[in-house]
């Protein structure tokens, strides 16, 4: 399960990065059907596998502080990713949004690897 979770996370981040690059260079290509569907499928699978692992290992948010922080960082990543691809009005703001999203990814990975809080 862990390897599947990490693979899905890597695919999700790679697709986000690819979509960001397209948004910056060739935004009309973002209209491709596969780019509208694939990220949602991968993110849904990532979410489901994450829930299964949380239950399997009894790592419940609110009870396990590092898991709480990890989930809050994932929510922040989702918001900054949405901002980057949908709400940012110019390339400067898109770059800032992308860097912010990658910062949240780094925090998620750090907390997942060390099992220690960083912000909370």
C-alpha atoms as a PDB file:
ATOM      1  CA  UNK A   1       0.000   0.000   0.000  1.00  0.00           C
ATOM      2  CA  UNK A   2       2.776   2.419   0.894  1.00  0.00           C
ATOM      3  CA  UNK A   3       4.477   2.042  -2.486  1.00  0.00           C
ATOM      4  CA  UNK A   4       1.162   2.601  -4.276  1.00  0.00           C
ATOM      5  CA  UNK A   5       0.511   5.699  -2.155  1.00  0.00           C
ATOM      6  CA  UNK A   6       3.965   7.133  -2.906  1.00  0.00           C
ATOM      7  CA  UNK A   7       3.649   6.333  -6.623  1.00  0.00           C
ATOM      8  CA  UNK A   8       0.256   8.036  -6.825  1.00  0.00           C
ATOM      9  CA  UNK A   9       1.638  11.056  -4.944  1.00  0.00           C
ATOM     10  CA  UNK A  10       4.576  11.293  -7.374  1.00  0.00           C
ATOM     11  CA  UNK A  11       2.204  11.032 -10.357  1.00  0.00           C
ATOM     12  CA  UNK A  12      -0.069  13.690  -8.873  1.00  0.00           C
ATOM     13  CA  UNK A  13       2.826  16.098  -8.329  1.00  0.00           C
ATOM     14  CA  UNK A  14       4.266  15.378 -11.782  1.00  0.00           C
ATOM     15  CA  UNK A  15       0.900  16.054 -13.432  1.00  0.00           C
ATOM     16  CA  UNK A  16       0.476  19.255 -11.441  1.00  0.00           C
ATOM     17  CA  UNK A  17       3.939  20.378 -12.572  1.00  0.00           C
ATOM     18  CA  UNK A  18       3.142  19.465 -16.183  1.00  0.00           C
ATOM     19  CA  UNK A  19      -0.156  21.365 -16.045  1.00  0.00           C
ATOM     20  CA  UNK A  20       1.623  24.362 -14.499  1.00  0.00           C
ATOM     21  CA  UNK A  21       4.201  24.330 -17.318  1.00  0.00           C
ATOM     22  CA  UNK A  22       1.414  24.179 -19.908  1.00  0.00           C
ATOM     23  CA  UNK A  23      -0.440  27.020 -18.190  1.00  0.00           C
ATOM     24  CA  UNK A  24       2.712  29.137 -18.448  1.00  0.00           C
ATOM     25  CA  UNK A  25       3.643  28.244 -22.037  1.00  0.00           C
ATOM     26  CA  UNK A  26       0.699  26.810 -23.956  1.00  0.00           C
ATOM     27  CA  UNK A  27      -2.542  27.136 -21.943  1.00  0.00           C
ATOM     28  CA  UNK A  28      -4.855  25.992 -24.738  1.00  0.00           C
ATOM     29  CA  UNK A  29      -3.346  22.499 -24.456  1.00  0.00           C
ATOM     30  CA  UNK A  30      -4.878  22.240 -20.969  1.00  0.00           C
ATOM     31  CA  UNK A  31      -8.202  21.645 -22.713  1.00  0.00           C
ATOM     32  CA  UNK A  32      -7.154  18.121 -23.682  1.00  0.00           C
ATOM     33  CA  UNK A  33      -9.651  15.628 -22.290  1.00  0.00           C
ATOM     34  CA  UNK A  34      -7.002  13.454 -20.617  1.00  0.00           C
ATOM     35  CA  UNK A  35      -5.636  16.488 -18.731  1.00  0.00           C
ATOM     36  CA  UNK A  36      -9.085  17.213 -17.379  1.00  0.00           C
ATOM     37  CA  UNK A  37      -9.792  13.642 -16.215  1.00  0.00           C
ATOM     38  CA  UNK A  38      -6.484  11.969 -15.298  1.00  0.00           C
ATOM     39  CA  UNK A  39      -5.482  14.275 -12.419  1.00  0.00           C
ATOM     40  CA  UNK A  40      -8.853  13.757 -10.724  1.00  0.00           C
ATOM     41  CA  UNK A  41      -8.632   9.977 -11.082  1.00  0.00           C
ATOM     42  CA  UNK A  42      -5.092   9.875  -9.671  1.00  0.00           C
ATOM     43  CA  UNK A  43      -5.919  12.260  -6.814  1.00  0.00           C
ATOM     44  CA  UNK A  44      -9.025  10.266  -5.914  1.00  0.00           C
ATOM     45  CA  UNK A  45      -7.034   7.028  -5.835  1.00  0.00           C
ATOM     46  CA  UNK A  46      -4.344   8.756  -3.750  1.00  0.00           C
ATOM     47  CA  UNK A  47      -6.996   9.942  -1.286  1.00  0.00           C
ATOM     48  CA  UNK A  48      -8.636   6.494  -1.039  1.00  0.00           C
ATOM     49  CA  UNK A  49      -5.325   4.685  -0.535  1.00  0.00           C
ATOM     50  CA  UNK A  50      -4.365   7.276   2.095  1.00  0.00           C
ATOM     51  CA  UNK A  51      -7.608   6.678   4.010  1.00  0.00           C
ATOM     52  CA  UNK A  52      -7.135   2.911   3.824  1.00  0.00           C
ATOM     53  CA  UNK A  53      -3.604   3.276   5.211  1.00  0.00           C
ATOM     54  CA  UNK A  54      -4.776   5.631   7.984  1.00  0.00           C
ATOM     55  CA  UNK A  55      -7.362   3.092   9.110  1.00  0.00           C
ATOM     56  CA  UNK A  56      -5.039   0.113   8.645  1.00  0.00           C
ATOM     57  CA  UNK A  57      -2.329   1.693  10.826  1.00  0.00           C
ATOM     58  CA  UNK A  58      -4.716   3.554  13.189  1.00  0.00           C
ATOM     59  CA  UNK A  59      -3.169   6.936  12.374  1.00  0.00           C
ATOM     60  CA  UNK A  60      -6.176   9.147  12.973  1.00  0.00           C
ATOM     61  CA  UNK A  61      -5.975  12.932  12.598  1.00  0.00           C
ATOM     62  CA  UNK A  62      -6.580  14.623  15.914  1.00  0.00           C
ATOM     63  CA  UNK A  63      -5.119  11.627  17.742  1.00  0.00           C
ATOM     64  CA  UNK A  64      -1.782  11.439  15.928  1.00  0.00           C
ATOM     65  CA  UNK A  65      -0.351  14.985  15.742  1.00  0.00           C
ATOM     66  CA  UNK A  66       1.950  14.406  12.767  1.00  0.00           C
ATOM     67  CA  UNK A  67      -0.938  12.965  10.738  1.00  0.00           C
ATOM     68  CA  UNK A  68      -3.023  16.037  11.551  1.00  0.00           C
ATOM     69  CA  UNK A  69      -0.228  18.266  10.290  1.00  0.00           C
ATOM     70  CA  UNK A  70       0.256  16.154   7.183  1.00  0.00           C
ATOM     71  CA  UNK A  71      -3.434  16.377   6.273  1.00  0.00           C
ATOM     72  CA  UNK A  72      -3.522  20.130   6.886  1.00  0.00           C
ATOM     73  CA  UNK A  73      -0.478  20.505   4.629  1.00  0.00           C
ATOM     74  CA  UNK A  74      -2.218  18.403   1.939  1.00  0.00           C
ATOM     75  CA  UNK A  75      -5.254  20.715   2.133  1.00  0.00           C
ATOM     76  CA  UNK A  76      -2.934  23.739   1.810  1.00  0.00           C
ATOM     77  CA  UNK A  77      -1.271  22.079  -1.215  1.00  0.00           C
ATOM     78  CA  UNK A  78      -4.662  21.515  -2.845  1.00  0.00           C
ATOM     79  CA  UNK A  79      -5.652  25.148  -2.278  1.00  0.00           C
ATOM     80  CA  UNK A  80      -2.367  26.574  -3.590  1.00  0.00           C
ATOM     81  CA  UNK A  81      -2.519  24.221  -6.579  1.00  0.00           C
ATOM     82  CA  UNK A  82      -6.057  25.360  -7.352  1.00  0.00           C
ATOM     83  CA  UNK A  83      -4.976  28.968  -6.979  1.00  0.00           C
ATOM     84  CA  UNK A  84      -2.004  28.400  -9.306  1.00  0.00           C
ATOM     85  CA  UNK A  85      -3.972  26.755 -12.102  1.00  0.00           C
ATOM     86  CA  UNK A  86      -7.351  28.497 -11.827  1.00  0.00           C
ATOM     87  CA  UNK A  87      -7.268  31.760  -9.866  1.00  0.00           C
ATOM     88  CA  UNK A  88      -3.877  33.401 -10.468  1.00  0.00           C
ATOM     89  CA  UNK A  89      -4.277  36.209 -12.989  1.00  0.00           C
ATOM     90  CA  UNK A  90      -0.726  36.499 -14.265  1.00  0.00           C
ATOM     91  CA  UNK A  91       2.439  34.444 -14.617  1.00  0.00           C
ATOM     92  CA  UNK A  92       4.146  36.059 -11.630  1.00  0.00           C
ATOM     93  CA  UNK A  93       1.306  34.996  -9.353  1.00  0.00           C
ATOM     94  CA  UNK A  94       1.259  31.531 -10.948  1.00  0.00           C
ATOM     95  CA  UNK A  95       4.966  31.096 -10.212  1.00  0.00           C
ATOM     96  CA  UNK A  96       4.466  32.220  -6.605  1.00  0.00           C
ATOM     97  CA  UNK A  97       1.524  29.810  -6.299  1.00  0.00           C
ATOM     98  CA  UNK A  98       3.516  26.939  -7.773  1.00  0.00           C
ATOM     99  CA  UNK A  99       6.441  27.537  -5.427  1.00  0.00           C
ATOM    100  CA  UNK A 100       4.020  27.696  -2.505  1.00  0.00           C
ATOM    101  CA  UNK A 101       2.425  24.408  -3.554  1.00  0.00           C
ATOM    102  CA  UNK A 102       5.847  22.762  -3.810  1.00  0.00           C
ATOM    103  CA  UNK A 103       6.659  24.077  -0.337  1.00  0.00           C
ATOM    104  CA  UNK A 104       3.593  22.285   1.019  1.00  0.00           C
ATOM    105  CA  UNK A 105       4.640  19.110  -0.832  1.00  0.00           C
ATOM    106  CA  UNK A 106       8.045  19.286   0.850  1.00  0.00           C
ATOM    107  CA  UNK A 107       6.375  19.669   4.257  1.00  0.00           C
ATOM    108  CA  UNK A 108       4.075  16.693   3.574  1.00  0.00           C
ATOM    109  CA  UNK A 109       7.049  14.542   2.581  1.00  0.00           C
ATOM    110  CA  UNK A 110       9.111  15.660   5.578  1.00  0.00           C
ATOM    111  CA  UNK A 111       6.341  14.946   8.066  1.00  0.00           C
ATOM    112  CA  UNK A 112       5.574  11.585   6.412  1.00  0.00           C
ATOM    113  CA  UNK A 113       9.220  10.510   6.554  1.00  0.00           C
ATOM    114  CA  UNK A 114      10.087  11.734  10.053  1.00  0.00           C
ATOM    115  CA  UNK A 115       6.684  11.207  11.698  1.00  0.00           C
ATOM    116  CA  UNK A 116       7.347  14.468  13.582  1.00  0.00           C
ATOM    117  CA  UNK A 117       5.421  17.710  13.551  1.00  0.00           C
ATOM    118  CA  UNK A 118       7.075  20.742  12.086  1.00  0.00           C
ATOM    119  CA  UNK A 119       4.465  23.530  12.330  1.00  0.00           C
ATOM    120  CA  UNK A 120       2.008  22.331  14.968  1.00  0.00           C
END
